[in-house]
């Protein structure tokens, strides 16, 4: 028994690349937002220690 005997194309060529780029862009935005949030937390922690 083998897999992949029948191929069904559901979109035109290049659509996979578009989805990949979109996903990578969204991941980049989320990573940037998380990095900024961590920076704010660190600044707030340092401010509390100073007082």
N, C-alpha and C. Protein backbone atom coordinates (compact mmCIF):
# COMPACT_ATOMS: atom_id res chain seq x y z
N UNK A 1 0.85 -1.18 0.00
CA UNK A 1 0.00 0.00 0.00
C UNK A 1 0.89 1.24 0.00
N UNK A 2 0.69 2.12 -0.96
CA UNK A 2 1.49 3.34 -1.05
C UNK A 2 0.60 4.55 -0.90
N UNK A 3 1.22 5.62 -0.48
CA UNK A 3 0.49 6.87 -0.33
C UNK A 3 0.86 7.82 -1.45
N UNK A 4 -0.03 8.70 -1.80
CA UNK A 4 0.27 9.74 -2.76
C UNK A 4 0.13 9.32 -4.20
N UNK A 5 -0.69 8.37 -4.48
CA UNK A 5 -0.88 7.94 -5.87
C UNK A 5 -1.65 9.00 -6.65
N UNK A 6 -2.64 9.62 -6.05
CA UNK A 6 -3.46 10.63 -6.71
C UNK A 6 -3.11 12.01 -6.18
N UNK A 7 -2.93 12.96 -7.10
CA UNK A 7 -2.65 14.33 -6.73
C UNK A 7 -3.86 15.19 -7.10
N UNK A 8 -4.29 16.01 -6.16
CA UNK A 8 -5.38 16.94 -6.43
C UNK A 8 -4.87 18.35 -6.18
N UNK A 9 -4.80 19.13 -7.23
CA UNK A 9 -4.34 20.52 -7.09
C UNK A 9 -5.54 21.38 -6.72
N UNK A 10 -5.39 22.16 -5.67
CA UNK A 10 -6.50 22.98 -5.18
C UNK A 10 -6.29 24.47 -5.41
N UNK A 11 -5.13 24.83 -5.95
CA UNK A 11 -4.84 26.24 -6.20
C UNK A 11 -3.80 26.33 -7.32
N UNK A 12 -3.68 27.48 -7.92
CA UNK A 12 -2.70 27.64 -9.00
C UNK A 12 -1.26 27.60 -8.46
N UNK A 13 -0.30 27.35 -9.33
CA UNK A 13 1.11 27.34 -8.90
C UNK A 13 1.50 28.67 -8.25
N UNK A 14 2.28 28.59 -7.21
CA UNK A 14 2.72 29.79 -6.49
C UNK A 14 1.89 30.12 -5.27
N UNK A 15 0.73 29.50 -5.15
CA UNK A 15 -0.14 29.81 -4.00
C UNK A 15 0.50 29.37 -2.69
N UNK A 16 1.22 28.27 -2.71
CA UNK A 16 1.89 27.80 -1.49
C UNK A 16 2.93 28.80 -1.00
N UNK A 17 3.65 29.40 -1.95
CA UNK A 17 4.66 30.40 -1.59
C UNK A 17 4.00 31.63 -0.98
N UNK A 18 2.85 32.02 -1.52
CA UNK A 18 2.12 33.17 -0.97
C UNK A 18 1.67 32.90 0.46
N UNK A 19 1.17 31.72 0.72
CA UNK A 19 0.73 31.36 2.07
C UNK A 19 1.92 31.34 3.02
N UNK A 20 3.05 30.79 2.55
CA UNK A 20 4.25 30.75 3.39
C UNK A 20 4.72 32.15 3.74
N UNK A 21 4.76 33.05 2.76
CA UNK A 21 5.20 34.42 3.03
C UNK A 21 4.25 35.14 3.98
N UNK A 22 2.98 34.91 3.81
CA UNK A 22 1.99 35.53 4.70
C UNK A 22 2.17 35.05 6.13
N UNK A 23 2.36 33.75 6.28
CA UNK A 23 2.56 33.17 7.62
C UNK A 23 3.83 33.72 8.25
N UNK A 24 4.90 33.80 7.48
CA UNK A 24 6.16 34.33 8.01
C UNK A 24 6.03 35.79 8.41
N UNK A 25 5.28 36.56 7.65
CA UNK A 25 5.07 37.97 7.99
C UNK A 25 4.32 38.10 9.31
N UNK A 26 3.27 37.32 9.47
CA UNK A 26 2.50 37.37 10.73
C UNK A 26 3.35 36.93 11.91
N UNK A 27 4.16 35.90 11.71
CA UNK A 27 5.03 35.44 12.79
C UNK A 27 6.05 36.51 13.16
N UNK A 28 6.56 37.22 12.16
CA UNK A 28 7.51 38.30 12.44
C UNK A 28 6.89 39.42 13.25
N UNK A 29 5.66 39.77 12.95
CA UNK A 29 4.95 40.81 13.70
C UNK A 29 4.75 40.37 15.15
N UNK A 30 4.37 39.11 15.34
CA UNK A 30 4.15 38.60 16.70
C UNK A 30 5.45 38.55 17.49
N UNK A 31 6.54 38.15 16.84
CA UNK A 31 7.83 38.09 17.53
C UNK A 31 8.29 39.49 17.94
N UNK A 32 8.07 40.47 17.07
CA UNK A 32 8.44 41.84 17.40
C UNK A 32 7.62 42.37 18.57
N UNK A 33 6.32 42.10 18.56
CA UNK A 33 5.46 42.55 19.65
C UNK A 33 5.87 41.90 20.97
N UNK A 34 6.21 40.62 20.94
CA UNK A 34 6.64 39.94 22.16
C UNK A 34 7.95 40.52 22.68
N UNK A 35 8.88 40.80 21.77
CA UNK A 35 10.16 41.39 22.19
C UNK A 35 9.95 42.76 22.84
N UNK A 36 9.06 43.57 22.28
CA UNK A 36 8.78 44.87 22.87
C UNK A 36 8.12 44.73 24.24
N UNK A 37 7.23 43.77 24.38
CA UNK A 37 6.58 43.54 25.66
C UNK A 37 7.58 43.11 26.73
N UNK A 38 8.49 42.24 26.37
CA UNK A 38 9.52 41.80 27.32
C UNK A 38 10.39 42.99 27.72
N UNK A 39 10.71 43.85 26.75
CA UNK A 39 11.49 45.05 27.07
C UNK A 39 10.77 45.96 28.04
N UNK A 40 9.46 46.14 27.84
CA UNK A 40 8.68 46.97 28.77
C UNK A 40 8.65 46.36 30.16
N UNK A 41 8.49 45.03 30.23
CA UNK A 41 8.48 44.36 31.53
C UNK A 41 9.82 44.56 32.25
N UNK A 42 10.92 44.45 31.51
CA UNK A 42 12.24 44.64 32.11
C UNK A 42 12.41 46.08 32.61
N UNK A 43 11.97 47.05 31.81
CA UNK A 43 12.06 48.45 32.23
C UNK A 43 11.24 48.69 33.50
N UNK A 44 10.06 48.12 33.55
CA UNK A 44 9.20 48.30 34.72
C UNK A 44 9.81 47.64 35.95
N UNK A 45 10.41 46.47 35.77
CA UNK A 45 11.04 45.79 36.90
C UNK A 45 12.22 46.60 37.42
N UNK A 46 13.00 47.19 36.54
CA UNK A 46 14.15 48.00 36.96
C UNK A 46 13.68 49.27 37.67
N UNK A 47 12.57 49.86 37.19
CA UNK A 47 12.03 51.05 37.82
C UNK A 47 11.56 50.73 39.23
N UNK A 48 10.91 49.58 39.42
CA UNK A 48 10.43 49.21 40.75
C UNK A 48 11.60 48.96 41.71
N UNK A 49 12.69 48.38 41.20
CA UNK A 49 13.83 48.11 42.06
C UNK A 49 14.54 49.41 42.47
N UNK A 50 14.46 50.42 41.62
CA UNK A 50 15.11 51.70 41.90
C UNK A 50 14.39 52.46 43.00
N UNK A 51 13.10 52.21 43.17
CA UNK A 51 12.33 52.94 44.19
C UNK A 51 12.39 52.21 45.45
